[in-house]
Amino acid sequence: MIIDKLYKECIEKSPICVGLDTKIEYLPEYLIKSGMSIEEKIFTFNKMIIDNTIDLIACFKVQIAFYEALGIEGLKAYSKTVKYIREKGKIVIGDIKRGDISSTAEAYADAHFSGDFEVDIITVNPYMGYDSISPYEKYMENDDKALFMLIHTSNKSSKDFQELKVDGEKLYMKVAEKCSKWGEDSIGESGFNKIGGVVGLTFPEEFLEIKKKTPNTFFLIPGYGVQGGKGESIKEIFKDGICGVINSSRGIITAHKGKSEDENFVKYTRESVLSMKEDLIVG
């Protein structure tokens, strides 16, 4: 099962997920000024980061919005990036946050679990209920695909809806319970199921509350570093064992800015991952 594979990568490498949220301005100057197409500039940047961090991390997450913003060439770079990661034998999360139902959700499933944009795991928004999750199930039957469902996100205004009380319980907890229930028939050897949850590190106390109630849920954890999430919080969350991957995007892929604008930029990318790995060591 893909979540078992991801868990194993966390144990053997580290629970780090490198987010390839790539913008043109993040590239080193030598690439920006090169005669390459936008597609090749973005892919070359991503490929160099992948090659220089793959041995240290559990997985990569590619946020599709940054590629959509660049038009057709951006989407070609997205496709080449996710294919390259999978060819290297590494797990890739397509951060697409789809949240529709019926035939539309089925089309999203076809688009991101097969074809040019195929990835191993995608992020989904469950606001429309189980109908927004069920269309992906046919792809998860063979254990090589999984979902990360939004539960309690890392942004400040998440409280506008996610912390509203429903029958005396905060809405995000209701969502967490549904996430656990919808995946309860697919628990793998690692003890986690195919429907994981997205929970921000910016709310560590709430995270611990969610974890306690959903022991079979594996998490994608945004909010580390630039957004304010701390390594100390992860150590508390992981004190009984690793239960998720911690994403860092800008903190890693822009680590070279102000230091190197040539081909050696990846030295700082790797150093950033090593520094994060040290910060996350669970004693």
C-alpha atoms as a PDB file:
ATOM      1  CA  MET A   1       0.000   0.000   0.000  1.00  0.00           C
ATOM      2  CA  ILE A   2       1.284   3.449  -0.925  1.00  0.00           C
ATOM      3  CA  ILE A   3       0.846   4.811   2.618  1.00  0.00           C
ATOM      4  CA  ASP A   4       2.926   1.892   3.937  1.00  0.00           C
ATOM      5  CA  LYS A   5       5.625   2.803   1.408  1.00  0.00           C
ATOM      6  CA  LEU A   6       5.468   6.453   2.491  1.00  0.00           C
ATOM      7  CA  TYR A   7       5.707   5.485   6.149  1.00  0.00           C
ATOM      8  CA  LYS A   8       8.744   3.307   5.375  1.00  0.00           C
ATOM      9  CA  GLU A   9      10.418   6.221   3.584  1.00  0.00           C
ATOM     10  CA  CYS A  10       9.815   8.373   6.667  1.00  0.00           C
ATOM     11  CA  ILE A  11      11.538   5.799   8.863  1.00  0.00           C
ATOM     12  CA  GLU A  12      14.437   5.108   6.525  1.00  0.00           C
ATOM     13  CA  LYS A  13      15.104   8.654   5.246  1.00  0.00           C
ATOM     14  CA  SER A  14      13.192  11.314   7.198  1.00  0.00           C
ATOM     15  CA  PRO A  15       9.583  12.542   7.442  1.00  0.00           C
ATOM     16  CA  ILE A  16      10.393  15.523   5.194  1.00  0.00           C
ATOM     17  CA  CYS A  17       8.288  16.390   2.158  1.00  0.00           C
ATOM     18  CA  VAL A  18       9.869  18.892  -0.230  1.00  0.00           C
ATOM     19  CA  GLY A  19       7.249  21.165  -1.763  1.00  0.00           C
ATOM     20  CA  LEU A  20       8.003  22.147  -5.343  1.00  0.00           C
ATOM     21  CA  ASP A  21       5.835  25.279  -5.334  1.00  0.00           C
ATOM     22  CA  THR A  22       7.958  26.730  -8.100  1.00  0.00           C
ATOM     23  CA  LYS A  23       7.737  30.331  -9.330  1.00  0.00           C
ATOM     24  CA  ILE A  24       9.962  31.889 -11.976  1.00  0.00           C
ATOM     25  CA  GLU A  25      11.367  34.338  -9.429  1.00  0.00           C
ATOM     26  CA  TYR A  26      12.529  31.420  -7.254  1.00  0.00           C
ATOM     27  CA  LEU A  27      14.926  30.248  -9.949  1.00  0.00           C
ATOM     28  CA  PRO A  28      18.611  31.199  -9.802  1.00  0.00           C
ATOM     29  CA  GLU A  29      19.539  34.041 -12.155  1.00  0.00           C
ATOM     30  CA  TYR A  30      21.474  31.805 -14.536  1.00  0.00           C
ATOM     31  CA  LEU A  31      18.261  29.902 -15.324  1.00  0.00           C
ATOM     32  CA  ILE A  32      16.047  32.975 -15.496  1.00  0.00           C
ATOM     33  CA  LYS A  33      18.409  34.588 -18.021  1.00  0.00           C
ATOM     34  CA  SER A  34      18.963  31.417 -20.037  1.00  0.00           C
ATOM     35  CA  GLY A  35      17.466  30.953 -23.479  1.00  0.00           C
ATOM     36  CA  MET A  36      15.398  27.991 -22.312  1.00  0.00           C
ATOM     37  CA  SER A  37      11.617  27.907 -22.582  1.00  0.00           C
ATOM     38  CA  ILE A  38       9.593  28.413 -19.393  1.00  0.00           C
ATOM     39  CA  GLU A  39       8.887  24.671 -19.400  1.00  0.00           C
ATOM     40  CA  GLU A  40      12.573  23.794 -19.492  1.00  0.00           C
ATOM     41  CA  LYS A  41      13.581  26.436 -16.942  1.00  0.00           C
ATOM     42  CA  ILE A  42      11.049  25.177 -14.399  1.00  0.00           C
ATOM     43  CA  PHE A  43      11.770  21.509 -15.020  1.00  0.00           C
ATOM     44  CA  THR A  44      15.544  21.985 -14.892  1.00  0.00           C
ATOM     45  CA  PHE A  45      15.209  23.763 -11.540  1.00  0.00           C
ATOM     46  CA  ASN A  46      12.895  21.090 -10.143  1.00  0.00           C
ATOM     47  CA  LYS A  47      15.054  18.235 -11.459  1.00  0.00           C
ATOM     48  CA  MET A  48      18.179  19.635  -9.816  1.00  0.00           C
ATOM     49  CA  ILE A  49      16.378  19.962  -6.493  1.00  0.00           C
ATOM     50  CA  ILE A  50      14.965  16.441  -6.791  1.00  0.00           C
ATOM     51  CA  ASP A  51      18.361  14.926  -7.621  1.00  0.00           C
ATOM     52  CA  ASN A  52      20.059  16.701  -4.723  1.00  0.00           C
ATOM     53  CA  THR A  53      17.490  15.934  -2.003  1.00  0.00           C
ATOM     54  CA  ILE A  54      15.925  12.588  -2.958  1.00  0.00           C
ATOM     55  CA  ASP A  55      18.178  10.558  -0.658  1.00  0.00           C
ATOM     56  CA  LEU A  56      17.222  12.654   2.394  1.00  0.00           C
ATOM     57  CA  ILE A  57      13.436  12.845   2.251  1.00  0.00           C
ATOM     58  CA  ALA A  58      10.235  10.818   2.201  1.00  0.00           C
ATOM     59  CA  CYS A  59       8.443  12.416  -0.750  1.00  0.00           C
ATOM     60  CA  PHE A  60       7.818  15.462  -2.916  1.00  0.00           C
ATOM     61  CA  LYS A  61       4.670  17.595  -3.115  1.00  0.00           C
ATOM     62  CA  VAL A  62       3.943  19.550  -6.271  1.00  0.00           C
ATOM     63  CA  GLN A  63       1.359  22.344  -5.967  1.00  0.00           C
ATOM     64  CA  ILE A  64      -0.330  22.527  -9.343  1.00  0.00           C
ATOM     65  CA  ALA A  65      -1.477  26.163  -9.034  1.00  0.00           C
ATOM     66  CA  PHE A  66       2.041  27.510  -9.596  1.00  0.00           C
ATOM     67  CA  TYR A  67       2.229  25.577 -12.866  1.00  0.00           C
ATOM     68  CA  GLU A  68      -1.288  26.467 -14.003  1.00  0.00           C
ATOM     69  CA  ALA A  69      -0.348  30.132 -13.537  1.00  0.00           C
ATOM     70  CA  LEU A  70       2.321  29.696 -16.238  1.00  0.00           C
ATOM     71  CA  GLY A  71      -0.117  28.344 -18.797  1.00  0.00           C
ATOM     72  CA  ILE A  72       0.518  25.398 -21.091  1.00  0.00           C
ATOM     73  CA  GLU A  73       4.281  25.479 -20.602  1.00  0.00           C
ATOM     74  CA  GLY A  74       3.797  25.436 -16.846  1.00  0.00           C
ATOM     75  CA  LEU A  75       1.538  22.387 -17.055  1.00  0.00           C
ATOM     76  CA  LYS A  76       4.069  20.640 -19.266  1.00  0.00           C
ATOM     77  CA  ALA A  77       6.688  21.342 -16.585  1.00  0.00           C
ATOM     78  CA  TYR A  78       4.293  19.953 -13.957  1.00  0.00           C
ATOM     79  CA  SER A  79       3.803  16.773 -15.980  1.00  0.00           C
ATOM     80  CA  LYS A  80       7.544  16.304 -16.563  1.00  0.00           C
ATOM     81  CA  THR A  81       8.247  16.935 -12.870  1.00  0.00           C
ATOM     82  CA  VAL A  82       5.777  14.398 -11.478  1.00  0.00           C
ATOM     83  CA  LYS A  83       6.789  11.803 -14.071  1.00  0.00           C
ATOM     84  CA  TYR A  84      10.457  12.279 -13.225  1.00  0.00           C
ATOM     85  CA  ILE A  85       9.839  11.852  -9.491  1.00  0.00           C
ATOM     86  CA  ARG A  86       7.901   8.641 -10.063  1.00  0.00           C
ATOM     87  CA  GLU A  87      10.536   7.319 -12.498  1.00  0.00           C
ATOM     88  CA  LYS A  88      13.090   7.802  -9.705  1.00  0.00           C
ATOM     89  CA  GLY A  89      10.938   5.556  -7.483  1.00  0.00           C
ATOM     90  CA  LYS A  90       9.865   8.344  -5.138  1.00  0.00           C
ATOM     91  CA  ILE A  91       6.353   9.149  -3.988  1.00  0.00           C
ATOM     92  CA  VAL A  92       4.823  12.352  -5.338  1.00  0.00           C
ATOM     93  CA  ILE A  93       1.818  14.172  -3.904  1.00  0.00           C
ATOM     94  CA  GLY A  94      -0.223  16.234  -6.339  1.00  0.00           C
ATOM     95  CA  ASP A  95      -1.430  19.172  -4.283  1.00  0.00           C
ATOM     96  CA  ILE A  96      -4.582  19.901  -6.268  1.00  0.00           C
ATOM     97  CA  LYS A  97      -7.200  20.295  -3.482  1.00  0.00           C
ATOM     98  CA  ARG A  98     -10.123  19.252  -5.657  1.00  0.00           C
ATOM     99  CA  GLY A  99     -13.535  19.264  -3.996  1.00  0.00           C
ATOM    100  CA  ASP A 100     -16.248  18.496  -6.529  1.00  0.00           C
ATOM    101  CA  ILE A 101     -18.629  15.548  -6.905  1.00  0.00           C
ATOM    102  CA  SER A 102     -20.056  13.049  -9.379  1.00  0.00           C
ATOM    103  CA  SER A 103     -18.744  13.012 -12.964  1.00  0.00           C
ATOM    104  CA  THR A 104     -16.600  16.099 -12.319  1.00  0.00           C
ATOM    105  CA  ALA A 105     -14.777  14.392  -9.448  1.00  0.00           C
ATOM    106  CA  GLU A 106     -14.443  11.277 -11.598  1.00  0.00           C
ATOM    107  CA  ALA A 107     -12.753  13.412 -14.254  1.00  0.00           C
ATOM    108  CA  TYR A 108     -10.373  14.855 -11.640  1.00  0.00           C
ATOM    109  CA  ALA A 109      -9.575  11.311 -10.521  1.00  0.00           C
ATOM    110  CA  ASP A 110      -8.843  10.259 -14.111  1.00  0.00           C
ATOM    111  CA  ALA A 111      -6.715  13.361 -14.677  1.00  0.00           C
ATOM    112  CA  HIS A 112      -4.519  13.002 -11.602  1.00  0.00           C
ATOM    113  CA  PHE A 113      -4.433   9.257 -10.988  1.00  0.00           C
ATOM    114  CA  SER A 114      -3.666   8.422 -14.633  1.00  0.00           C
ATOM    115  CA  GLY A 115      -2.331  10.065 -17.761  1.00  0.00           C
ATOM    116  CA  ASP A 116       0.001  13.042 -18.089  1.00  0.00           C
ATOM    117  CA  PHE A 117      -0.530  14.305 -14.536  1.00  0.00           C
ATOM    118  CA  GLU A 118      -0.467  10.954 -12.730  1.00  0.00           C
ATOM    119  CA  VAL A 119       0.733  11.083  -9.122  1.00  0.00           C
ATOM    120  CA  ASP A 120       0.595   8.697  -6.169  1.00  0.00           C
ATOM    121  CA  ILE A 121      -1.434  10.772  -3.725  1.00  0.00           C
ATOM    122  CA  ILE A 122      -3.618  13.852  -4.160  1.00  0.00           C
ATOM    123  CA  THR A 123      -5.106  16.405  -1.792  1.00  0.00           C
ATOM    124  CA  VAL A 124      -8.886  16.779  -1.728  1.00  0.00           C
ATOM    125  CA  ASN A 125     -11.417  19.089  -0.077  1.00  0.00           C
ATOM    126  CA  PRO A 126     -14.246  17.136   1.630  1.00  0.00           C
ATOM    127  CA  TYR A 127     -16.629  20.098   2.053  1.00  0.00           C
ATOM    128  CA  MET A 128     -19.271  18.485  -0.193  1.00  0.00           C
ATOM    129  CA  GLY A 129     -19.209  15.301   1.867  1.00  0.00           C
ATOM    130  CA  TYR A 130     -18.495  11.684   0.973  1.00  0.00           C
ATOM    131  CA  ASP A 131     -19.605  12.303  -2.618  1.00  0.00           C
ATOM    132  CA  SER A 132     -16.424  14.355  -3.047  1.00  0.00           C
ATOM    133  CA  ILE A 133     -14.279  11.413  -1.887  1.00  0.00           C
ATOM    134  CA  SER A 134     -15.946   8.301  -3.334  1.00  0.00           C
ATOM    135  CA  PRO A 135     -15.097   8.928  -7.038  1.00  0.00           C
ATOM    136  CA  TYR A 136     -11.408   8.365  -6.215  1.00  0.00           C
ATOM    137  CA  GLU A 137     -11.984   4.961  -4.627  1.00  0.00           C
ATOM    138  CA  LYS A 138     -11.674   2.915  -7.830  1.00  0.00           C
ATOM    139  CA  TYR A 139      -8.086   4.094  -8.146  1.00  0.00           C
ATOM    140  CA  MET A 140      -7.320   3.202  -4.536  1.00  0.00           C
ATOM    141  CA  GLU A 141      -8.514  -0.385  -4.848  1.00  0.00           C
ATOM    142  CA  ASN A 142      -5.070  -1.633  -5.938  1.00  0.00           C
ATOM    143  CA  ASP A 143      -3.354   0.025  -2.958  1.00  0.00           C
ATOM    144  CA  ASP A 144      -1.110   2.227  -5.112  1.00  0.00           C
ATOM    145  CA  LYS A 145      -3.082   5.467  -4.712  1.00  0.00           C
ATOM    146  CA  ALA A 146      -4.196   7.469  -1.679  1.00  0.00           C
ATOM    147  CA  LEU A 147      -5.737  10.757  -0.594  1.00  0.00           C
ATOM    148  CA  PHE A 148      -4.894  13.516   1.845  1.00  0.00           C
ATOM    149  CA  MET A 149      -8.131  15.153   2.938  1.00  0.00           C
ATOM    150  CA  LEU A 150      -8.204  18.705   4.319  1.00  0.00           C
ATOM    151  CA  ILE A 151      -8.967  18.633   8.045  1.00  0.00           C
ATOM    152  CA  HIS A 152      -7.448  21.643   9.844  1.00  0.00           C
ATOM    153  CA  THR A 153      -5.372  23.852   7.579  1.00  0.00           C
ATOM    154  CA  SER A 154      -2.410  26.015   8.588  1.00  0.00           C
ATOM    155  CA  ASN A 155      -3.767  29.438   7.594  1.00  0.00           C
ATOM    156  CA  LYS A 156      -5.004  31.910  10.232  1.00  0.00           C
ATOM    157  CA  SER A 157      -8.511  32.270   8.825  1.00  0.00           C
ATOM    158  CA  SER A 158      -9.097  28.516   8.918  1.00  0.00           C
ATOM    159  CA  LYS A 159     -10.946  29.280  12.155  1.00  0.00           C
ATOM    160  CA  ASP A 160     -13.679  31.078  10.177  1.00  0.00           C
ATOM    161  CA  PHE A 161     -15.298  27.725   9.458  1.00  0.00           C
ATOM    162  CA  GLN A 162     -13.097  24.915  10.723  1.00  0.00           C
ATOM    163  CA  GLU A 163     -13.418  25.886  14.375  1.00  0.00           C
ATOM    164  CA  LEU A 164     -17.181  26.419  14.398  1.00  0.00           C
ATOM    165  CA  LYS A 165     -18.991  24.231  16.919  1.00  0.00           C
ATOM    166  CA  VAL A 166     -21.215  21.439  15.586  1.00  0.00           C
ATOM    167  CA  ASP A 167     -23.085  19.453  18.239  1.00  0.00           C
ATOM    168  CA  GLY A 168     -20.627  20.741  20.825  1.00  0.00           C
ATOM    169  CA  GLU A 169     -17.565  19.744  18.811  1.00  0.00           C
ATOM    170  CA  LYS A 170     -15.408  21.810  16.473  1.00  0.00           C
ATOM    171  CA  LEU A 171     -16.056  21.204  12.802  1.00  0.00           C
ATOM    172  CA  TYR A 172     -12.468  20.165  12.053  1.00  0.00           C
ATOM    173  CA  MET A 173     -12.838  17.347  14.555  1.00  0.00           C
ATOM    174  CA  LYS A 174     -16.007  16.173  12.836  1.00  0.00           C
ATOM    175  CA  VAL A 175     -14.084  16.154   9.555  1.00  0.00           C
ATOM    176  CA  ALA A 176     -11.190  14.251  11.158  1.00  0.00           C
ATOM    177  CA  GLU A 177     -13.592  11.600  12.427  1.00  0.00           C
ATOM    178  CA  LYS A 178     -15.126  11.216   8.953  1.00  0.00           C
ATOM    179  CA  CYS A 179     -11.649  10.947   7.435  1.00  0.00           C
ATOM    180  CA  SER A 180     -10.856   8.104   9.813  1.00  0.00           C
ATOM    181  CA  LYS A 181     -14.192   6.380   9.245  1.00  0.00           C
ATOM    182  CA  TRP A 182     -14.058   6.594   5.442  1.00  0.00           C
ATOM    183  CA  GLY A 183     -10.669   4.913   5.434  1.00  0.00           C
ATOM    184  CA  GLU A 184     -11.256   2.353   8.189  1.00  0.00           C
ATOM    185  CA  ASP A 185     -11.487  -0.592   5.760  1.00  0.00           C
ATOM    186  CA  SER A 186      -8.067   0.078   4.257  1.00  0.00           C
ATOM    187  CA  ILE A 187      -5.606  -0.048   7.141  1.00  0.00           C
ATOM    188  CA  GLY A 188      -2.189  -1.236   6.015  1.00  0.00           C
ATOM    189  CA  GLU A 189       0.763  -2.892   7.732  1.00  0.00           C
ATOM    190  CA  SER A 190       1.921   0.463   9.060  1.00  0.00           C
ATOM    191  CA  GLY A 191      -1.355   0.915  10.927  1.00  0.00           C
ATOM    192  CA  PHE A 192      -2.498   3.774   8.691  1.00  0.00           C
ATOM    193  CA  ASN A 193      -5.253   3.879   6.082  1.00  0.00           C
ATOM    194  CA  LYS A 194      -5.481   5.181   2.521  1.00  0.00           C
ATOM    195  CA  ILE A 195      -7.277   8.393   3.408  1.00  0.00           C
ATOM    196  CA  GLY A 196      -4.860  10.643   5.223  1.00  0.00           C
ATOM    197  CA  GLY A 197      -5.444  14.118   6.567  1.00  0.00           C
ATOM    198  CA  VAL A 198      -3.978  17.583   6.075  1.00  0.00           C
ATOM    199  CA  VAL A 199      -3.383  19.236   9.462  1.00  0.00           C
ATOM    200  CA  GLY A 200      -1.304  22.366   9.926  1.00  0.00           C
ATOM    201  CA  LEU A 201       1.640  22.526  12.301  1.00  0.00           C
ATOM    202  CA  THR A 202       0.611  26.068  13.161  1.00  0.00           C
ATOM    203  CA  PHE A 203      -1.997  24.650  15.557  1.00  0.00           C
ATOM    204  CA  PRO A 204       0.023  22.056  17.529  1.00  0.00           C
ATOM    205  CA  GLU A 205      -2.415  21.607  20.432  1.00  0.00           C
ATOM    206  CA  GLU A 206      -5.311  20.995  18.075  1.00  0.00           C
ATOM    207  CA  PHE A 207      -3.107  18.628  16.093  1.00  0.00           C
ATOM    208  CA  LEU A 208      -2.511  16.498  19.178  1.00  0.00           C
ATOM    209  CA  GLU A 209      -6.258  16.425  19.806  1.00  0.00           C
ATOM    210  CA  ILE A 210      -6.899  15.223  16.241  1.00  0.00           C
ATOM    211  CA  LYS A 211      -4.135  12.622  16.401  1.00  0.00           C
ATOM    212  CA  LYS A 212      -5.513  11.187  19.644  1.00  0.00           C
ATOM    213  CA  LYS A 213      -8.966  10.645  18.107  1.00  0.00           C
ATOM    214  CA  THR A 214      -7.738   9.305  14.748  1.00  0.00           C
ATOM    215  CA  PRO A 215      -4.853   6.899  15.433  1.00  0.00           C
ATOM    216  CA  ASN A 216      -5.043   5.271  11.991  1.00  0.00           C
ATOM    217  CA  THR A 217      -4.772   8.530  10.041  1.00  0.00           C
ATOM    218  CA  PHE A 218      -1.478   9.498   8.400  1.00  0.00           C
ATOM    219  CA  PHE A 219      -0.945  13.226   7.977  1.00  0.00           C
ATOM    220  CA  LEU A 220       0.407  15.701   5.473  1.00  0.00           C
ATOM    221  CA  ILE A 221       1.655  18.527   7.674  1.00  0.00           C
ATOM    222  CA  PRO A 222       2.037  22.025   6.197  1.00  0.00           C
ATOM    223  CA  GLY A 223       3.045  25.137   8.121  1.00  0.00           C
ATOM    224  CA  TYR A 224       6.631  24.318   9.089  1.00  0.00           C
ATOM    225  CA  GLY A 225       9.211  27.099   8.902  1.00  0.00           C
ATOM    226  CA  VAL A 226       8.045  30.179   6.994  1.00  0.00           C
ATOM    227  CA  GLN A 227       4.474  29.840   8.305  1.00  0.00           C
ATOM    228  CA  GLY A 228       5.656  29.522  11.902  1.00  0.00           C
ATOM    229  CA  GLY A 229       5.471  25.787  12.658  1.00  0.00           C
ATOM    230  CA  LYS A 230       8.275  24.606  14.960  1.00  0.00           C
ATOM    231  CA  GLY A 231      10.394  21.478  15.174  1.00  0.00           C
ATOM    232  CA  GLU A 232       9.551  21.245  18.872  1.00  0.00           C
ATOM    233  CA  SER A 233       5.884  20.768  17.976  1.00  0.00           C
ATOM    234  CA  ILE A 234       6.726  17.897  15.638  1.00  0.00           C
ATOM    235  CA  LYS A 235       8.753  16.187  18.348  1.00  0.00           C
ATOM    236  CA  GLU A 236       5.697  16.259  20.607  1.00  0.00           C
ATOM    237  CA  ILE A 237       3.389  15.013  17.855  1.00  0.00           C
ATOM    238  CA  PHE A 238       5.822  12.236  16.887  1.00  0.00           C
ATOM    239  CA  LYS A 239       6.791  11.205  20.416  1.00  0.00           C
ATOM    240  CA  ASP A 240       4.848   7.935  20.033  1.00  0.00           C
ATOM    241  CA  GLY A 241       6.051   7.387  16.475  1.00  0.00           C
ATOM    242  CA  ILE A 242       6.024   9.081  13.086  1.00  0.00           C
ATOM    243  CA  CYS A 243       2.488   9.686  11.852  1.00  0.00           C
ATOM    244  CA  GLY A 244       2.971  12.046   8.928  1.00  0.00           C
ATOM    245  CA  VAL A 245       5.188  13.950   6.528  1.00  0.00           C
ATOM    246  CA  ILE A 246       6.188  17.559   7.178  1.00  0.00           C
ATOM    247  CA  ASN A 247       6.146  19.794   4.128  1.00  0.00           C
ATOM    248  CA  SER A 248       8.518  22.661   3.496  1.00  0.00           C
ATOM    249  CA  SER A 249       8.408  24.559   0.237  1.00  0.00           C
ATOM    250  CA  ARG A 250       9.832  28.101   0.173  1.00  0.00           C
ATOM    251  CA  GLY A 251      12.220  27.395   3.039  1.00  0.00           C
ATOM    252  CA  ILE A 252      13.941  24.801   0.858  1.00  0.00           C
ATOM    253  CA  ILE A 253      13.515  25.826  -2.770  1.00  0.00           C
ATOM    254  CA  THR A 254      14.510  29.473  -2.164  1.00  0.00           C
ATOM    255  CA  ALA A 255      17.369  28.702   0.252  1.00  0.00           C
ATOM    256  CA  HIS A 256      19.898  29.795  -2.368  1.00  0.00           C
ATOM    257  CA  LYS A 257      18.530  33.327  -2.735  1.00  0.00           C
ATOM    258  CA  GLY A 258      21.098  35.898  -1.683  1.00  0.00           C
ATOM    259  CA  LYS A 259      23.795  33.210  -1.642  1.00  0.00           C
ATOM    260  CA  SER A 260      24.074  31.633  -5.080  1.00  0.00           C
ATOM    261  CA  GLU A 261      22.564  32.395  -8.479  1.00  0.00           C
ATOM    262  CA  ASP A 262      24.522  29.851 -10.520  1.00  0.00           C
ATOM    263  CA  GLU A 263      24.543  26.063 -10.956  1.00  0.00           C
ATOM    264  CA  ASN A 264      25.783  25.630  -7.396  1.00  0.00           C
ATOM    265  CA  PHE A 265      22.461  26.824  -5.942  1.00  0.00           C
ATOM    266  CA  VAL A 266      21.535  23.240  -5.004  1.00  0.00           C
ATOM    267  CA  LYS A 267      24.270  23.238  -2.367  1.00  0.00           C
ATOM    268  CA  TYR A 268      22.031  25.528  -0.309  1.00  0.00           C
ATOM    269  CA  THR A 269      18.934  23.490  -1.136  1.00  0.00           C
ATOM    270  CA  ARG A 270      20.558  20.381   0.306  1.00  0.00           C
ATOM    271  CA  GLU A 271      21.903  22.256   3.340  1.00  0.00           C
ATOM    272  CA  SER A 272      18.387  23.507   4.055  1.00  0.00           C
ATOM    273  CA  VAL A 273      16.986  19.960   3.994  1.00  0.00           C
ATOM    274  CA  LEU A 274      19.797  18.716   6.247  1.00  0.00           C
ATOM    275  CA  SER A 275      19.112  21.551   8.689  1.00  0.00           C
ATOM    276  CA  MET A 276      15.403  20.727   8.714  1.00  0.00           C
ATOM    277  CA  LYS A 277      16.169  17.043   9.229  1.00  0.00           C
ATOM    278  CA  GLU A 278      18.316  17.891  12.261  1.00  0.00           C
ATOM    279  CA  ASP A 279      15.576  20.143  13.638  1.00  0.00           C
ATOM    280  CA  LEU A 280      13.024  17.335  13.361  1.00  0.00           C
ATOM    281  CA  ILE A 281      15.045  14.561  14.985  1.00  0.00           C
ATOM    282  CA  VAL A 282      12.845  12.791  17.511  1.00  0.00           C
ATOM    283  CA  GLY A 283      14.865  11.666  20.506  1.00  0.00           C
END
